Amino acid sequence: MKKNKGFTLLEVMVALAIFATAAMALTKVAMQYTQATSNAVLRTKAQFVAMNAAAQMEINREWLEGTQSEQVEQQGENWQIDKSTQPTVSPDIQRVTVQVSLFNKETGKVEAGITNIVFFNYRIAAS
């Protein structure tokens, strides 16, 4: 009598369990990668928005007193830009902090702070 060659039901079930575990782990890694990439893109966009706000202040020679908030649409998103100043040793130089957050137009609320930058603004003497 010939001996049947092949896998037993138990061997097939163990192989499927190993495959299912590996597939779940790979799916989880892929989801984490996708989320990390999405977050990096959002942070990069927010950084550009913050740098644009700082550059706009320098171009307009804007001297900020206290704090200022505004909502803008840039980079395909709605943002809230909060600017605050602190004095420095020199009266003609101010430390400006620009914080950029996601803004939800539907609820009218800030969803999450994404990034902030600090730069030094200076007064230009009138010629």
PDB file of N, CA and C in Angstrom:
ATOM      1  N   MET A   1       0.840  -1.167   0.000  1.00  0.00           N
ATOM      2  CA  MET A   1       0.000   0.000   0.000  1.00  0.00           C
ATOM      3  C   MET A   1       0.890   1.237   0.000  1.00  0.00           C
ATOM      4  N   LYS A   2       0.494   2.241  -0.809  1.00  0.00           N
ATOM      5  CA  LYS A   2       1.272   3.470  -0.900  1.00  0.00           C
ATOM      6  C   LYS A   2       0.908   4.407   0.232  1.00  0.00           C
ATOM      7  N   LYS A   3       1.952   5.123   0.682  1.00  0.00           N
ATOM      8  CA  LYS A   3       1.717   6.136   1.713  1.00  0.00           C
ATOM      9  C   LYS A   3       1.354   7.438   1.008  1.00  0.00           C
ATOM     10  N   ASN A   4       0.262   8.077   1.429  1.00  0.00           N
ATOM     11  CA  ASN A   4      -0.155   9.347   0.829  1.00  0.00           C
ATOM     12  C   ASN A   4       0.835  10.433   1.184  1.00  0.00           C
ATOM     13  N   LYS A   5       1.176  11.224   0.158  1.00  0.00           N
ATOM     14  CA  LYS A   5       2.074  12.348   0.399  1.00  0.00           C
ATOM     15  C   LYS A   5       1.238  13.614   0.399  1.00  0.00           C
ATOM     16  N   GLY A   6       1.571  14.528   1.285  1.00  0.00           N
ATOM     17  CA  GLY A   6       0.846  15.796   1.356  1.00  0.00           C
ATOM     18  C   GLY A   6       0.870  16.317   2.781  1.00  0.00           C
ATOM     19  N   PHE A   7       0.149  17.393   2.962  1.00  0.00           N
ATOM     20  CA  PHE A   7       0.105  18.030   4.271  1.00  0.00           C
ATOM     21  C   PHE A   7      -1.122  17.547   5.024  1.00  0.00           C
ATOM     22  N   THR A   8      -0.965  17.457   6.325  1.00  0.00           N
ATOM     23  CA  THR A   8      -2.113  17.113   7.153  1.00  0.00           C
ATOM     24  C   THR A   8      -2.900  18.387   7.430  1.00  0.00           C
ATOM     25  N   LEU A   9      -4.088  18.228   7.900  1.00  0.00           N
ATOM     26  CA  LEU A   9      -4.933  19.384   8.219  1.00  0.00           C
ATOM     27  C   LEU A   9      -4.274  20.252   9.280  1.00  0.00           C
ATOM     28  N   LEU A  10      -3.645  19.652  10.251  1.00  0.00           N
ATOM     29  CA  LEU A  10      -2.973  20.395  11.316  1.00  0.00           C
ATOM     30  C   LEU A  10      -1.837  21.250  10.751  1.00  0.00           C
ATOM     31  N   GLU A  11      -1.055  20.688   9.846  1.00  0.00           N
ATOM     32  CA  GLU A  11       0.053  21.434   9.247  1.00  0.00           C
ATOM     33  C   GLU A  11      -0.467  22.628   8.435  1.00  0.00           C
ATOM     34  N   VAL A  12      -1.547  22.432   7.714  1.00  0.00           N
ATOM     35  CA  VAL A  12      -2.138  23.518   6.931  1.00  0.00           C
ATOM     36  C   VAL A  12      -2.649  24.623   7.850  1.00  0.00           C
ATOM     37  N   MET A  13      -3.295  24.240   8.945  1.00  0.00           N
ATOM     38  CA  MET A  13      -3.825  25.235   9.882  1.00  0.00           C
ATOM     39  C   MET A  13      -2.698  26.027  10.543  1.00  0.00           C
ATOM     40  N   VAL A  14      -1.607  25.385  10.910  1.00  0.00           N
ATOM     41  CA  VAL A  14      -0.462  26.082  11.502  1.00  0.00           C
ATOM     42  C   VAL A  14       0.137  27.053  10.482  1.00  0.00           C
ATOM     43  N   ALA A  15       0.273  26.626   9.244  1.00  0.00           N
ATOM     44  CA  ALA A  15       0.817  27.487   8.196  1.00  0.00           C
ATOM     45  C   ALA A  15      -0.081  28.712   7.975  1.00  0.00           C
ATOM     46  N   LEU A  16      -1.396  28.505   7.961  1.00  0.00           N
ATOM     47  CA  LEU A  16      -2.323  29.631   7.796  1.00  0.00           C
ATOM     48  C   LEU A  16      -2.257  30.591   8.979  1.00  0.00           C
ATOM     49  N   ALA A  17      -2.099  30.059  10.186  1.00  0.00           N
ATOM     50  CA  ALA A  17      -1.983  30.918  11.368  1.00  0.00           C
ATOM     51  C   ALA A  17      -0.713  31.771  11.290  1.00  0.00           C
ATOM     52  N   ILE A  18       0.385  31.178  10.866  1.00  0.00           N
ATOM     53  CA  ILE A  18       1.640  31.926  10.719  1.00  0.00           C
ATOM     54  C   ILE A  18       1.480  32.994   9.644  1.00  0.00           C
ATOM     55  N   PHE A  19       0.887  32.652   8.513  1.00  0.00           N
ATOM     56  CA  PHE A  19       0.675  33.607   7.429  1.00  0.00           C
ATOM     57  C   PHE A  19      -0.230  34.754   7.881  1.00  0.00           C
ATOM     58  N   ALA A  20      -1.299  34.432   8.610  1.00  0.00           N
ATOM     59  CA  ALA A  20      -2.224  35.470   9.070  1.00  0.00           C
ATOM     60  C   ALA A  20      -1.531  36.434  10.033  1.00  0.00           C
ATOM     61  N   THR A  21      -0.711  35.913  10.923  1.00  0.00           N
ATOM     62  CA  THR A  21       0.021  36.754  11.868  1.00  0.00           C
ATOM     63  C   THR A  21       0.990  37.681  11.127  1.00  0.00           C
ATOM     64  N   ALA A  22       1.708  37.128  10.164  1.00  0.00           N
ATOM     65  CA  ALA A  22       2.647  37.936   9.380  1.00  0.00           C
ATOM     66  C   ALA A  22       1.905  39.001   8.572  1.00  0.00           C
ATOM     67  N   ALA A  23       0.763  38.649   8.006  1.00  0.00           N
ATOM     68  CA  ALA A  23      -0.009  39.607   7.220  1.00  0.00           C
ATOM     69  C   ALA A  23      -0.526  40.750   8.092  1.00  0.00           C
ATOM     70  N   MET A  24      -0.973  40.451   9.308  1.00  0.00           N
ATOM     71  CA  MET A  24      -1.442  41.496  10.223  1.00  0.00           C
ATOM     72  C   MET A  24      -0.299  42.427  10.613  1.00  0.00           C
ATOM     73  N   ALA A  25       0.876  41.860  10.869  1.00  0.00           N
ATOM     74  CA  ALA A  25       2.027  42.678  11.232  1.00  0.00           C
ATOM     75  C   ALA A  25       2.424  43.595  10.078  1.00  0.00           C
ATOM     76  N   LEU A  26       2.440  43.074   8.874  1.00  0.00           N
ATOM     77  CA  LEU A  26       2.784  43.895   7.714  1.00  0.00           C
ATOM     78  C   LEU A  26       1.749  44.990   7.473  1.00  0.00           C
ATOM     79  N   THR A  27       0.491  44.689   7.685  1.00  0.00           N
ATOM     80  CA  THR A  27      -0.563  45.688   7.532  1.00  0.00           C
ATOM     81  C   THR A  27      -0.391  46.808   8.546  1.00  0.00           C
ATOM     82  N   LYS A  28      -0.068  46.446   9.768  1.00  0.00           N
ATOM     83  CA  LYS A  28       0.139  47.452  10.810  1.00  0.00           C
ATOM     84  C   LYS A  28       1.325  48.348  10.469  1.00  0.00           C
ATOM     85  N   VAL A  29       2.411  47.776  10.001  1.00  0.00           N
ATOM     86  CA  VAL A  29       3.583  48.563   9.608  1.00  0.00           C
ATOM     87  C   VAL A  29       3.230  49.498   8.453  1.00  0.00           C
ATOM     88  N   ALA A  30       2.482  49.015   7.488  1.00  0.00           N
ATOM     89  CA  ALA A  30       2.083  49.842   6.342  1.00  0.00           C
ATOM     90  C   ALA A  30       1.200  51.008   6.791  1.00  0.00           C
ATOM     91  N   MET A  31       0.284  50.766   7.722  1.00  0.00           N
ATOM     92  CA  MET A  31      -0.572  51.841   8.233  1.00  0.00           C
ATOM     93  C   MET A  31       0.249  52.879   8.989  1.00  0.00           C
ATOM     94  N   GLN A  32       1.204  52.437   9.805  1.00  0.00           N
ATOM     95  CA  GLN A  32       2.059  53.372  10.531  1.00  0.00           C
ATOM     96  C   GLN A  32       2.892  54.212   9.572  1.00  0.00           C
ATOM     97  N   TYR A  33       3.395  53.590   8.526  1.00  0.00           N
ATOM     98  CA  TYR A  33       4.180  54.310   7.523  1.00  0.00           C
ATOM     99  C   TYR A  33       3.329  55.368   6.837  1.00  0.00           C
ATOM    100  N   THR A  34       2.112  54.997   6.460  1.00  0.00           N
ATOM    101  CA  THR A  34       1.210  55.934   5.797  1.00  0.00           C
ATOM    102  C   THR A  34       0.882  57.102   6.714  1.00  0.00           C
ATOM    103  N   GLN A  35       0.620  56.817   7.978  1.00  0.00           N
ATOM    104  CA  GLN A  35       0.302  57.876   8.948  1.00  0.00           C
ATOM    105  C   GLN A  35       1.497  58.796   9.162  1.00  0.00           C
ATOM    106  N   ALA A  36       2.688  58.229   9.281  1.00  0.00           N
ATOM    107  CA  ALA A  36       3.896  59.032   9.482  1.00  0.00           C
ATOM    108  C   ALA A  36       4.158  59.925   8.273  1.00  0.00           C
ATOM    109  N   THR A  37       3.949  59.398   7.094  1.00  0.00           N
ATOM    110  CA  THR A  37       4.144  60.192   5.875  1.00  0.00           C
ATOM    111  C   THR A  37       3.138  61.334   5.817  1.00  0.00           C
ATOM    112  N   SER A  38       1.898  61.049   6.158  1.00  0.00           N
ATOM    113  CA  SER A  38       0.857  62.078   6.155  1.00  0.00           C
ATOM    114  C   SER A  38       1.186  63.174   7.170  1.00  0.00           C
ATOM    115  N   ASN A  39       1.638  62.793   8.361  1.00  0.00           N
ATOM    116  CA  ASN A  39       2.008  63.774   9.381  1.00  0.00           C
ATOM    117  C   ASN A  39       3.198  64.617   8.936  1.00  0.00           C
ATOM    118  N   ALA A  40       4.158  64.005   8.283  1.00  0.00           N
ATOM    119  CA  ALA A  40       5.331  64.738   7.801  1.00  0.00           C
ATOM    120  C   ALA A  40       4.938  65.759   6.746  1.00  0.00           C
ATOM    121  N   VAL A  41       4.037  65.382   5.861  1.00  0.00           N
ATOM    122  CA  VAL A  41       3.561  66.311   4.831  1.00  0.00           C
ATOM    123  C   VAL A  41       2.843  67.483   5.484  1.00  0.00           C
ATOM    124  N   LEU A  42       2.000  67.218   6.466  1.00  0.00           N
ATOM    125  CA  LEU A  42       1.260  68.271   7.159  1.00  0.00           C
ATOM    126  C   LEU A  42       2.208  69.211   7.901  1.00  0.00           C
ATOM    127  N   ARG A  43       3.210  68.654   8.590  1.00  0.00           N
ATOM    128  CA  ARG A  43       4.189  69.493   9.296  1.00  0.00           C
ATOM    129  C   ARG A  43       4.991  70.348   8.320  1.00  0.00           C
ATOM    130  N   THR A  44       5.329  69.795   7.170  1.00  0.00           N
ATOM    131  CA  THR A  44       6.071  70.557   6.162  1.00  0.00           C
ATOM    132  C   THR A  44       5.238  71.716   5.638  1.00  0.00           C
ATOM    133  N   LYS A  45       3.962  71.447   5.358  1.00  0.00           N
ATOM    134  CA  LYS A  45       3.073  72.517   4.905  1.00  0.00           C
ATOM    135  C   LYS A  45       2.961  73.613   5.962  1.00  0.00           C
ATOM    136  N   ALA A  46       2.806  73.221   7.223  1.00  0.00           N
ATOM    137  CA  ALA A  46       2.688  74.194   8.310  1.00  0.00           C
ATOM    138  C   ALA A  46       3.967  75.017   8.451  1.00  0.00           C
ATOM    139  N   GLN A  47       5.101  74.386   8.246  1.00  0.00           N
ATOM    140  CA  GLN A  47       6.378  75.105   8.318  1.00  0.00           C
ATOM    141  C   GLN A  47       6.451  76.169   7.223  1.00  0.00           C
ATOM    142  N   PHE A  48       6.002  75.833   6.017  1.00  0.00           N
ATOM    143  CA  PHE A  48       5.982  76.814   4.933  1.00  0.00           C
ATOM    144  C   PHE A  48       5.042  77.972   5.253  1.00  0.00           C
ATOM    145  N   VAL A  49       3.887  77.671   5.849  1.00  0.00           N
ATOM    146  CA  VAL A  49       2.931  78.719   6.220  1.00  0.00           C
ATOM    147  C   VAL A  49       3.564  79.651   7.255  1.00  0.00           C
ATOM    148  N   ALA A  50       4.259  79.093   8.247  1.00  0.00           N
ATOM    149  CA  ALA A  50       4.914  79.906   9.270  1.00  0.00           C
ATOM    150  C   ALA A  50       6.017  80.773   8.658  1.00  0.00           C
ATOM    151  N   MET A  51       6.806  80.194   7.771  1.00  0.00           N
ATOM    152  CA  MET A  51       7.873  80.963   7.132  1.00  0.00           C
ATOM    153  C   MET A  51       7.294  82.064   6.238  1.00  0.00           C
ATOM    154  N   ASN A  52       6.169  81.788   5.584  1.00  0.00           N
ATOM    155  CA  ASN A  52       5.506  82.818   4.779  1.00  0.00           C
ATOM    156  C   ASN A  52       5.026  83.975   5.650  1.00  0.00           C
ATOM    157  N   ALA A  53       4.478  83.667   6.815  1.00  0.00           N
ATOM    158  CA  ALA A  53       4.007  84.716   7.725  1.00  0.00           C
ATOM    159  C   ALA A  53       5.173  85.583   8.201  1.00  0.00           C
ATOM    160  N   ALA A  54       6.294  84.942   8.532  1.00  0.00           N
ATOM    161  CA  ALA A  54       7.477  85.702   8.963  1.00  0.00           C
ATOM    162  C   ALA A  54       8.010  86.565   7.825  1.00  0.00           C
ATOM    163  N   ALA A  55       8.077  86.009   6.628  1.00  0.00           N
ATOM    164  CA  ALA A  55       8.575  86.770   5.478  1.00  0.00           C
ATOM    165  C   ALA A  55       7.654  87.940   5.154  1.00  0.00           C
ATOM    166  N   GLN A  56       6.345  87.725   5.291  1.00  0.00           N
ATOM    167  CA  GLN A  56       5.389  88.796   5.017  1.00  0.00           C
ATOM    168  C   GLN A  56       5.570  89.946   6.002  1.00  0.00           C
ATOM    169  N   MET A  57       5.845  89.627   7.262  1.00  0.00           N
ATOM    170  CA  MET A  57       6.109  90.681   8.248  1.00  0.00           C
ATOM    171  C   MET A  57       7.354  91.466   7.874  1.00  0.00           C
ATOM    172  N   GLU A  58       8.389  90.782   7.439  1.00  0.00           N
ATOM    173  CA  GLU A  58       9.627  91.458   7.063  1.00  0.00           C
ATOM    174  C   GLU A  58       9.437  92.306   5.805  1.00  0.00           C
ATOM    175  N   ILE A  59       8.724  91.782   4.828  1.00  0.00           N
ATOM    176  CA  ILE A  59       8.492  92.530   3.580  1.00  0.00           C
ATOM    177  C   ILE A  59       7.687  93.801   3.858  1.00  0.00           C
ATOM    178  N   ASN A  60       6.643  93.677   4.682  1.00  0.00           N
ATOM    179  CA  ASN A  60       5.776  94.819   4.993  1.00  0.00           C
ATOM    180  C   ASN A  60       6.349  95.727   6.074  1.00  0.00           C
ATOM    181  N   ARG A  61       7.493  95.337   6.611  1.00  0.00           N
ATOM    182  CA  ARG A  61       8.126  96.084   7.711  1.00  0.00           C
ATOM    183  C   ARG A  61       7.141  96.267   8.855  1.00  0.00           C
ATOM    184  N   GLU A  62       6.468  95.190   9.171  1.00  0.00           N
ATOM    185  CA  GLU A  62       5.417  95.201  10.197  1.00  0.00           C
ATOM    186  C   GLU A  62       6.037  95.072  11.580  1.00  0.00           C
ATOM    187  N   TRP A  63       5.689  95.992  12.451  1.00  0.00           N
ATOM    188  CA  TRP A  63       6.126  95.954  13.836  1.00  0.00           C
ATOM    189  C   TRP A  63       4.920  95.536  14.659  1.00  0.00           C
ATOM    190  N   LEU A  64       5.005  94.390  15.284  1.00  0.00           N
ATOM    191  CA  LEU A  64       3.860  93.816  15.982  1.00  0.00           C
ATOM    192  C   LEU A  64       3.879  94.219  17.445  1.00  0.00           C
ATOM    193  N   GLU A  65       2.730  94.646  17.936  1.00  0.00           N
ATOM    194  CA  GLU A  65       2.573  94.962  19.359  1.00  0.00           C
ATOM    195  C   GLU A  65       1.661  93.909  19.973  1.00  0.00           C
ATOM    196  N   GLY A  66       2.154  93.177  20.948  1.00  0.00           N
ATOM    197  CA  GLY A  66       1.337  92.167  21.613  1.00  0.00           C
ATOM    198  C   GLY A  66       1.179  90.913  20.786  1.00  0.00           C
ATOM    199  N   THR A  67      -0.083  90.517  20.560  1.00  0.00           N
ATOM    200  CA  THR A  67      -0.359  89.284  19.816  1.00  0.00           C
ATOM    201  C   THR A  67      -1.296  89.574  18.652  1.00  0.00           C
ATOM    202  N   GLN A  68      -1.310  88.655  17.707  1.00  0.00           N
ATOM    203  CA  GLN A  68      -2.179  88.783  16.541  1.00  0.00           C
ATOM    204  C   GLN A  68      -2.536  87.384  16.059  1.00  0.00           C
ATOM    205  N   SER A  69      -3.793  87.194  15.650  1.00  0.00           N
ATOM    206  CA  SER A  69      -4.244  85.916  15.100  1.00  0.00           C
ATOM    207  C   SER A  69      -4.953  86.158  13.782  1.00  0.00           C
ATOM    208  N   GLU A  70      -4.784  85.207  12.861  1.00  0.00           N
ATOM    209  CA  GLU A  70      -5.482  85.292  11.585  1.00  0.00           C
ATOM    210  C   GLU A  70      -5.671  83.893  11.030  1.00  0.00           C
ATOM    211  N   GLN A  71      -6.711  83.743  10.212  1.00  0.00           N
ATOM    212  CA  GLN A  71      -6.952  82.481   9.512  1.00  0.00           C
ATOM    213  C   GLN A  71      -6.633  82.689   8.041  1.00  0.00           C
ATOM    214  N   VAL A  72      -5.915  81.740   7.481  1.00  0.00           N
ATOM    215  CA  VAL A  72      -5.549  81.804   6.064  1.00  0.00           C
ATOM    216  C   VAL A  72      -5.765  80.431   5.434  1.00  0.00           C
ATOM    217  N   GLU A  73      -5.863  80.442   4.114  1.00  0.00           N
ATOM    218  CA  GLU A  73      -5.913  79.182   3.375  1.00  0.00           C
ATOM    219  C   GLU A  73      -4.671  79.138   2.492  1.00  0.00           C
ATOM    220  N   GLN A  74      -3.795  78.203   2.796  1.00  0.00           N
ATOM    221  CA  GLN A  74      -2.560  78.016   2.043  1.00  0.00           C
ATOM    222  C   GLN A  74      -2.252  76.530   1.991  1.00  0.00           C
ATOM    223  N   GLN A  75      -1.520  76.137   0.975  1.00  0.00           N
ATOM    224  CA  GLN A  75      -1.073  74.748   0.846  1.00  0.00           C
ATOM    225  C   GLN A  75      -2.244  73.764   0.867  1.00  0.00           C
ATOM    226  N   GLY A  76      -3.427  74.212   0.460  1.00  0.00           N
ATOM    227  CA  GLY A  76      -4.588  73.328   0.403  1.00  0.00           C
ATOM    228  C   GLY A  76      -5.238  73.042   1.748  1.00  0.00           C
ATOM    229  N   GLU A  77      -4.872  73.799   2.771  1.00  0.00           N
ATOM    230  CA  GLU A  77      -5.430  73.602   4.119  1.00  0.00           C
ATOM    231  C   GLU A  77      -5.849  74.948   4.690  1.00  0.00           C
ATOM    232  N   ASN A  78      -6.680  74.913   5.722  1.00  0.00           N
ATOM    233  CA  ASN A  78      -7.040  76.117   6.471  1.00  0.00           C
ATOM    234  C   ASN A  78      -6.188  76.158   7.735  1.00  0.00           C
ATOM    235  N   TRP A  79      -5.580  77.304   7.980  1.00  0.00           N
ATOM    236  CA  TRP A  79      -4.650  77.442   9.098  1.00  0.00           C
ATOM    237  C   TRP A  79      -5.024  78.627   9.971  1.00  0.00           C
ATOM    238  N   GLN A  80      -4.653  78.539  11.226  1.00  0.00           N
ATOM    239  CA  GLN A  80      -4.692  79.708  12.095  1.00  0.00           C
ATOM    240  C   GLN A  80      -3.252  80.041  12.442  1.00  0.00           C
ATOM    241  N   ILE A  81      -2.904  81.300  12.231  1.00  0.00           N
ATOM    242  CA  ILE A  81      -1.554  81.774  12.528  1.00  0.00           C
ATOM    243  C   ILE A  81      -1.645  82.698  13.733  1.00  0.00           C
ATOM    244  N   ASP A  82      -0.954  82.347  14.799  1.00  0.00           N
ATOM    245  CA  ASP A  82      -0.896  83.160  16.010  1.00  0.00           C
ATOM    246  C   ASP A  82       0.513  83.709  16.143  1.00  0.00           C
ATOM    247  N   LYS A  83       0.612  85.032  16.202  1.00  0.00           N
ATOM    248  CA  LYS A  83       1.911  85.690  16.359  1.00  0.00           C
ATOM    249  C   LYS A  83       1.941  86.382  17.710  1.00  0.00           C
ATOM    250  N   SER A  84       3.064  86.254  18.391  1.00  0.00           N
ATOM    251  CA  SER A  84       3.247  86.967  19.654  1.00  0.00           C
ATOM    252  C   SER A  84       4.669  87.509  19.698  1.00  0.00           C
ATOM    253  N   THR A  85       4.827  88.605  20.402  1.00  0.00           N
ATOM    254  CA  THR A  85       6.140  89.236  20.474  1.00  0.00           C
ATOM    255  C   THR A  85       6.635  89.312  21.907  1.00  0.00           C
ATOM    256  N   GLN A  86       7.943  89.393  21.997  1.00  0.00           N
ATOM    257  CA  GLN A  86       8.597  89.634  23.280  1.00  0.00           C
ATOM    258  C   GLN A  86       9.691  90.656  23.024  1.00  0.00           C
ATOM    259  N   PRO A  87       9.875  91.573  23.964  1.00  0.00           N
ATOM    260  CA  PRO A  87      10.936  92.564  23.765  1.00  0.00           C
ATOM    261  C   PRO A  87      12.312  91.921  23.921  1.00  0.00           C
ATOM    262  N   THR A  88      13.293  92.577  23.361  1.00  0.00           N
ATOM    263  CA  THR A  88      14.679  92.143  23.516  1.00  0.00           C
ATOM    264  C   THR A  88      15.460  93.270  24.171  1.00  0.00           C
ATOM    265  N   VAL A  89      16.744  93.103  24.284  1.00  0.00           N
ATOM    266  CA  VAL A  89      17.596  94.119  24.892  1.00  0.00           C
ATOM    267  C   VAL A  89      17.539  95.412  24.085  1.00  0.00           C
ATOM    268  N   SER A  90      17.493  95.263  22.776  1.00  0.00           N
ATOM    269  CA  SER A  90      17.430  96.440  21.895  1.00  0.00           C
ATOM    270  C   SER A  90      15.972  96.821  21.662  1.00  0.00           C
ATOM    271  N   PRO A  91      15.634  98.106  21.782  1.00  0.00           N
ATOM    272  CA  PRO A  91      14.245  98.519  21.526  1.00  0.00           C
ATOM    273  C   PRO A  91      13.851  98.415  20.059  1.00  0.00           C
ATOM    274  N   ASP A  92      14.806  98.262  19.155  1.00  0.00           N
ATOM    275  CA  ASP A  92      14.505  98.171  17.731  1.00  0.00           C
ATOM    276  C   ASP A  92      14.451  96.734  17.225  1.00  0.00           C
ATOM    277  N   ILE A  93      14.544  95.770  18.128  1.00  0.00           N
ATOM    278  CA  ILE A  93      14.471  94.356  17.749  1.00  0.00           C
ATOM    279  C   ILE A  93      13.444  93.673  18.644  1.00  0.00           C
ATOM    280  N   GLN A  94      12.591  92.878  18.041  1.00  0.00           N
ATOM    281  CA  GLN A  94      11.610  92.117  18.815  1.00  0.00           C
ATOM    282  C   GLN A  94      11.688  90.653  18.424  1.00  0.00           C
ATOM    283  N   ARG A  95      11.440  89.816  19.427  1.00  0.00           N
ATOM    284  CA  ARG A  95      11.397  88.371  19.209  1.00  0.00           C
ATOM    285  C   ARG A  95       9.957  88.010  18.881  1.00  0.00           C
ATOM    286  N   VAL A  96       9.747  87.398  17.725  1.00  0.00           N
ATOM    287  CA  VAL A  96       8.393  87.052  17.282  1.00  0.00           C
ATOM    288  C   VAL A  96       8.269  85.535  17.214  1.00  0.00           C
ATOM    289  N   THR A  97       7.237  85.016  17.863  1.00  0.00           N
ATOM    290  CA  THR A  97       6.917  83.594  17.790  1.00  0.00           C
ATOM    291  C   THR A  97       5.684  83.443  16.910  1.00  0.00           C
ATOM    292  N   VAL A  98       5.801  82.606  15.895  1.00  0.00           N
ATOM    293  CA  VAL A  98       4.683  82.339  14.980  1.00  0.00           C
ATOM    294  C   VAL A  98       4.275  80.884  15.179  1.00  0.00           C
ATOM    295  N   GLN A  99       3.036  80.679  15.634  1.00  0.00           N
ATOM    296  CA  GLN A  99       2.516  79.326  15.820  1.00  0.00           C
ATOM    297  C   GLN A  99       1.440  79.075  14.766  1.00  0.00           C
ATOM    298  N   VAL A 100       1.549  77.926  14.096  1.00  0.00           N
ATOM    299  CA  VAL A 100       0.599  77.572  13.045  1.00  0.00           C
ATOM    300  C   VAL A 100      -0.187  76.341  13.491  1.00  0.00           C
ATOM    301  N   SER A 101      -1.513  76.440  13.384  1.00  0.00           N
ATOM    302  CA  SER A 101      -2.405  75.350  13.776  1.00  0.00           C
ATOM    303  C   SER A 101      -3.391  75.084  12.653  1.00  0.00           C
ATOM    304  N   LEU A 102      -3.883  73.845  12.589  1.00  0.00           N
ATOM    305  CA  LEU A 102      -4.960  73.529  11.654  1.00  0.00           C
ATOM    306  C   LEU A 102      -6.238  74.197  12.140  1.00  0.00           C
ATOM    307  N   PHE A 103      -6.998  74.760  11.217  1.00  0.00           N
ATOM    308  CA  PHE A 103      -8.245  75.437  11.561  1.00  0.00           C
ATOM    309  C   PHE A 103      -9.389  74.769  10.820  1.00  0.00           C
ATOM    310  N   ASN A 104     -10.416  74.373  11.558  1.00  0.00           N
ATOM    311  CA  ASN A 104     -11.597  73.741  10.981  1.00  0.00           C
ATOM    312  C   ASN A 104     -12.646  74.821  10.734  1.00  0.00           C
ATOM    313  N   LYS A 105     -12.928  75.117   9.471  1.00  0.00           N
ATOM    314  CA  LYS A 105     -13.896  76.167   9.135  1.00  0.00           C
ATOM    315  C   LYS A 105     -15.316  75.789   9.534  1.00  0.00           C
ATOM    316  N   GLU A 106     -15.623  74.496   9.490  1.00  0.00           N
ATOM    317  CA  GLU A 106     -16.983  74.056   9.808  1.00  0.00           C
ATOM    318  C   GLU A 106     -17.332  74.300  11.270  1.00  0.00           C
ATOM    319  N   THR A 107     -16.396  73.993  12.166  1.00  0.00           N
ATOM    320  CA  THR A 107     -16.650  74.191  13.594  1.00  0.00           C
ATOM    321  C   THR A 107     -16.149  75.545  14.078  1.00  0.00           C
ATOM    322  N   GLY A 108     -15.281  76.186  13.295  1.00  0.00           N
ATOM    323  CA  GLY A 108     -14.726  77.478  13.703  1.00  0.00           C
ATOM    324  C   GLY A 108     -13.711  77.350  14.821  1.00  0.00           C
ATOM    325  N   LYS A 109     -13.101  76.171  14.937  1.00  0.00           N
ATOM    326  CA  LYS A 109     -12.159  75.931  16.032  1.00  0.00           C
ATOM    327  C   LYS A 109     -10.817  75.448  15.511  1.00  0.00           C
ATOM    328  N   VAL A 110      -9.817  75.690  16.326  1.00  0.00           N
ATOM    329  CA  VAL A 110      -8.480  75.197  16.036  1.00  0.00           C
ATOM    330  C   VAL A 110      -8.431  73.724  16.404  1.00  0.00           C
ATOM    331  N   GLU A 111      -7.923  72.890  15.486  1.00  0.00           N
ATOM    332  CA  GLU A 111      -7.881  71.447  15.741  1.00  0.00           C
ATOM    333  C   GLU A 111      -6.591  71.006  16.412  1.00  0.00           C
ATOM    334  N   ALA A 112      -5.465  71.463  15.887  1.00  0.00           N
ATOM    335  CA  ALA A 112      -4.200  70.987  16.444  1.00  0.00           C
ATOM    336  C   ALA A 112      -3.085  71.956  16.079  1.00  0.00           C
ATOM    337  N   GLY A 113      -2.218  72.235  17.068  1.00  0.00           N
ATOM    338  CA  GLY A 113      -1.025  73.023  16.790  1.00  0.00           C
ATOM    339  C   GLY A 113      -0.022  72.147  16.067  1.00  0.00           C
ATOM    340  N   ILE A 114       0.504  72.637  14.967  1.00  0.00           N
ATOM    341  CA  ILE A 114       1.390  71.823  14.148  1.00  0.00           C
ATOM    342  C   ILE A 114       2.849  72.225  14.326  1.00  0.00           C
ATOM    343  N   THR A 115       3.127  73.517  14.205  1.00  0.00           N
ATOM    344  CA  THR A 115       4.521  73.951  14.263  1.00  0.00           C
ATOM    345  C   THR A 115       4.607  75.375  14.772  1.00  0.00           C
ATOM    346  N   ASN A 116       5.790  75.776  15.169  1.00  0.00           N
ATOM    347  CA  ASN A 116       6.037  77.177  15.472  1.00  0.00           C
ATOM    348  C   ASN A 116       7.475  77.521  15.118  1.00  0.00           C
ATOM    349  N   ILE A 117       7.674  78.786  14.802  1.00  0.00           N
ATOM    350  CA  ILE A 117       9.019  79.278  14.534  1.00  0.00           C
ATOM    351  C   ILE A 117       9.234  80.550  15.334  1.00  0.00           C
ATOM    352  N   VAL A 118      10.473  80.857  15.570  1.00  0.00           N
ATOM    353  CA  VAL A 118      10.854  82.086  16.261  1.00  0.00           C
ATOM    354  C   VAL A 118      11.818  82.821  15.353  1.00  0.00           C
ATOM    355  N   PHE A 119      11.578  84.115  15.179  1.00  0.00           N
ATOM    356  CA  PHE A 119      12.520  84.930  14.425  1.00  0.00           C
ATOM    357  C   PHE A 119      12.599  86.306  15.071  1.00  0.00           C
ATOM    358  N   PHE A 120      13.602  87.064  14.676  1.00  0.00           N
ATOM    359  CA  PHE A 120      13.803  88.388  15.234  1.00  0.00           C
ATOM    360  C   PHE A 120      13.485  89.426  14.180  1.00  0.00           C
ATOM    361  N   ASN A 121      12.535  90.279  14.526  1.00  0.00           N
ATOM    362  CA  ASN A 121      12.088  91.342  13.646  1.00  0.00           C
ATOM    363  C   ASN A 121      12.762  92.631  14.087  1.00  0.00           C
ATOM    364  N   TYR A 122      13.129  93.455  13.149  1.00  0.00           N
ATOM    365  CA  TYR A 122      13.778  94.715  13.523  1.00  0.00           C
ATOM    366  C   TYR A 122      13.124  95.879  12.805  1.00  0.00           C
ATOM    367  N   ARG A 123      13.171  97.016  13.493  1.00  0.00           N
ATOM    368  CA  ARG A 123      12.619  98.243  12.932  1.00  0.00           C
ATOM    369  C   ARG A 123      13.607  98.811  11.933  1.00  0.00           C
ATOM    370  N   ILE A 124      13.087  99.269  10.841  1.00  0.00           N
ATOM    371  CA  ILE A 124      13.942  99.926   9.857  1.00  0.00           C
ATOM    372  C   ILE A 124      13.700 101.423   9.983  1.00  0.00           C
ATOM    373  N   ALA A 125      14.782 102.151  10.225  1.00  0.00           N
ATOM    374  CA  ALA A 125      14.666 103.601  10.384  1.00  0.00           C
ATOM    375  C   ALA A 125      14.208 104.239   9.080  1.00  0.00           C
ATOM    376  N   ALA A 126      13.283 105.178   9.196  1.00  0.00           N
ATOM    377  CA  ALA A 126      12.778 105.872   8.011  1.00  0.00           C
ATOM    378  C   ALA A 126      13.882 106.733   7.421  1.00  0.00           C
ATOM    379  N   SER A 127      14.030 106.661   6.100  1.00  0.00           N
ATOM    380  CA  SER A 127      15.095 107.428   5.434  1.00  0.00           C
ATOM    381  C   SER A 127      14.575 108.756   4.966  1.00  0.00           C
TER     382      SER A 127
END
